[in-house]
Amino acid sequence: MYDTGFGSIWQDDFPDGSLKDDYLTIRGSLIKADEPKAAVNIAGMSDEQARTVISQICSLSQAVAYLLGKESNSER
């Protein structure tokens, strides 16, 4: 579980497959066994590492929005 400040995100919020895998990859970049505080790990990232994680977050966000829009359209 990761608390975003807007609410908590759990790995079980994602269906099995690429969305869950992408979430776990991002979470693994932000939360480490030796340092569970994401803010500390983010502060220690190089600019390139931060760009990579930001890109991963944006891609996951787009994929979730697409899936939710697709599901919403199929309900009409």
C-alpha atoms as a PDB file:
ATOM      1  CA  MET A   1       0.000   0.000   0.000  1.00  0.00           C
ATOM      2  CA  TYR A   2       1.169   3.497  -0.771  1.00  0.00           C
ATOM      3  CA  ASP A   3      -0.507   6.631   0.555  1.00  0.00           C
ATOM      4  CA  THR A   4      -0.426   9.260  -2.182  1.00  0.00           C
ATOM      5  CA  GLY A   5      -1.777  12.135  -0.138  1.00  0.00           C
ATOM      6  CA  PHE A   6      -4.933  11.846  -2.228  1.00  0.00           C
ATOM      7  CA  GLY A   7      -5.731   8.396  -0.906  1.00  0.00           C
ATOM      8  CA  SER A   8      -4.134   5.000  -0.665  1.00  0.00           C
ATOM      9  CA  ILE A   9      -3.250   2.778  -3.582  1.00  0.00           C
ATOM     10  CA  TRP A  10      -3.038  -0.969  -3.009  1.00  0.00           C
ATOM     11  CA  GLN A  11      -1.562  -3.458  -5.427  1.00  0.00           C
ATOM     12  CA  ASP A  12      -4.915  -5.256  -5.352  1.00  0.00           C
ATOM     13  CA  ASP A  13      -6.520  -2.115  -6.802  1.00  0.00           C
ATOM     14  CA  PHE A  14      -5.023  -3.231 -10.117  1.00  0.00           C
ATOM     15  CA  PRO A  15      -6.041  -6.297 -12.123  1.00  0.00           C
ATOM     16  CA  ASP A  16      -3.403  -8.970 -12.571  1.00  0.00           C
ATOM     17  CA  GLY A  17      -1.238  -8.231 -15.560  1.00  0.00           C
ATOM     18  CA  SER A  18       0.658  -5.261 -16.892  1.00  0.00           C
ATOM     19  CA  LEU A  19      -1.067  -2.584 -14.796  1.00  0.00           C
ATOM     20  CA  LYS A  20      -0.251  -4.373 -11.535  1.00  0.00           C
ATOM     21  CA  ASP A  21       3.269  -5.127 -12.756  1.00  0.00           C
ATOM     22  CA  ASP A  22       3.801  -1.460 -13.650  1.00  0.00           C
ATOM     23  CA  TYR A  23       2.482  -0.348 -10.248  1.00  0.00           C
ATOM     24  CA  LEU A  24       4.802  -2.770  -8.443  1.00  0.00           C
ATOM     25  CA  THR A  25       7.769  -1.539 -10.485  1.00  0.00           C
ATOM     26  CA  ILE A  26       7.015   2.064  -9.549  1.00  0.00           C
ATOM     27  CA  ARG A  27       6.445   1.171  -5.902  1.00  0.00           C
ATOM     28  CA  GLY A  28       9.745  -0.721  -5.895  1.00  0.00           C
ATOM     29  CA  SER A  29      11.495   2.439  -7.084  1.00  0.00           C
ATOM     30  CA  LEU A  30       9.911   4.523  -4.347  1.00  0.00           C
ATOM     31  CA  ILE A  31       9.919   2.177  -1.359  1.00  0.00           C
ATOM     32  CA  LYS A  32      13.025   0.177  -0.449  1.00  0.00           C
ATOM     33  CA  ALA A  33      13.463  -2.481   2.223  1.00  0.00           C
ATOM     34  CA  ASP A  34      16.256  -0.486   3.857  1.00  0.00           C
ATOM     35  CA  GLU A  35      14.346   2.821   3.542  1.00  0.00           C
ATOM     36  CA  PRO A  36      10.543   2.554   3.441  1.00  0.00           C
ATOM     37  CA  LYS A  37       9.989   6.327   3.210  1.00  0.00           C
ATOM     38  CA  ALA A  38       9.363   7.248  -0.423  1.00  0.00           C
ATOM     39  CA  ALA A  39      10.376  10.878   0.118  1.00  0.00           C
ATOM     40  CA  VAL A  40      13.858   9.825   1.227  1.00  0.00           C
ATOM     41  CA  ASN A  41      14.299   7.556  -1.790  1.00  0.00           C
ATOM     42  CA  ILE A  42      13.005  10.223  -4.180  1.00  0.00           C
ATOM     43  CA  ALA A  43      15.413  12.778  -2.710  1.00  0.00           C
ATOM     44  CA  GLY A  44      18.280  10.363  -3.306  1.00  0.00           C
ATOM     45  CA  MET A  45      17.462   9.763  -6.969  1.00  0.00           C
ATOM     46  CA  SER A  46      19.507  11.149  -9.792  1.00  0.00           C
ATOM     47  CA  ASP A  47      17.697  13.373 -12.261  1.00  0.00           C
ATOM     48  CA  GLU A  48      17.625  10.497 -14.761  1.00  0.00           C
ATOM     49  CA  GLN A  49      16.153   8.075 -12.214  1.00  0.00           C
ATOM     50  CA  ALA A  50      13.502  10.634 -11.271  1.00  0.00           C
ATOM     51  CA  ARG A  51      12.628  11.196 -14.957  1.00  0.00           C
ATOM     52  CA  THR A  52      12.247   7.451 -15.423  1.00  0.00           C
ATOM     53  CA  VAL A  53       9.912   7.082 -12.432  1.00  0.00           C
ATOM     54  CA  ILE A  54       7.887  10.129 -13.497  1.00  0.00           C
ATOM     55  CA  SER A  55       7.537   8.647 -16.977  1.00  0.00           C
ATOM     56  CA  GLN A  56       6.424   5.320 -15.486  1.00  0.00           C
ATOM     57  CA  ILE A  57       3.830   7.076 -13.308  1.00  0.00           C
ATOM     58  CA  CYS A  58       2.485   9.037 -16.292  1.00  0.00           C
ATOM     59  CA  SER A  59       2.269   5.892 -18.416  1.00  0.00           C
ATOM     60  CA  LEU A  60       0.446   3.996 -15.684  1.00  0.00           C
ATOM     61  CA  SER A  61      -1.930   6.911 -15.188  1.00  0.00           C
ATOM     62  CA  GLN A  62      -2.715   6.999 -18.912  1.00  0.00           C
ATOM     63  CA  ALA A  63      -3.241   3.234 -19.045  1.00  0.00           C
ATOM     64  CA  VAL A  64      -5.630   3.330 -16.073  1.00  0.00           C
ATOM     65  CA  ALA A  65      -7.538   6.301 -17.532  1.00  0.00           C
ATOM     66  CA  TYR A  66      -7.839   4.473 -20.859  1.00  0.00           C
ATOM     67  CA  LEU A  67      -9.095   1.316 -19.182  1.00  0.00           C
ATOM     68  CA  LEU A  68     -11.608   3.217 -17.055  1.00  0.00           C
ATOM     69  CA  GLY A  69     -12.830   5.168 -20.098  1.00  0.00           C
ATOM     70  CA  LYS A  70     -13.116   1.963 -22.089  1.00  0.00           C
ATOM     71  CA  GLU A  71     -15.147   0.330 -19.310  1.00  0.00           C
ATOM     72  CA  SER A  72     -17.317   3.435 -18.946  1.00  0.00           C
ATOM     73  CA  ASN A  73     -18.070   3.505 -22.671  1.00  0.00           C
ATOM     74  CA  SER A  74     -18.997  -0.178 -22.707  1.00  0.00           C
ATOM     75  CA  GLU A  75     -21.607   0.434 -19.997  1.00  0.00           C
ATOM     76  CA  ARG A  76     -23.591   2.799 -22.227  1.00  0.00           C
END
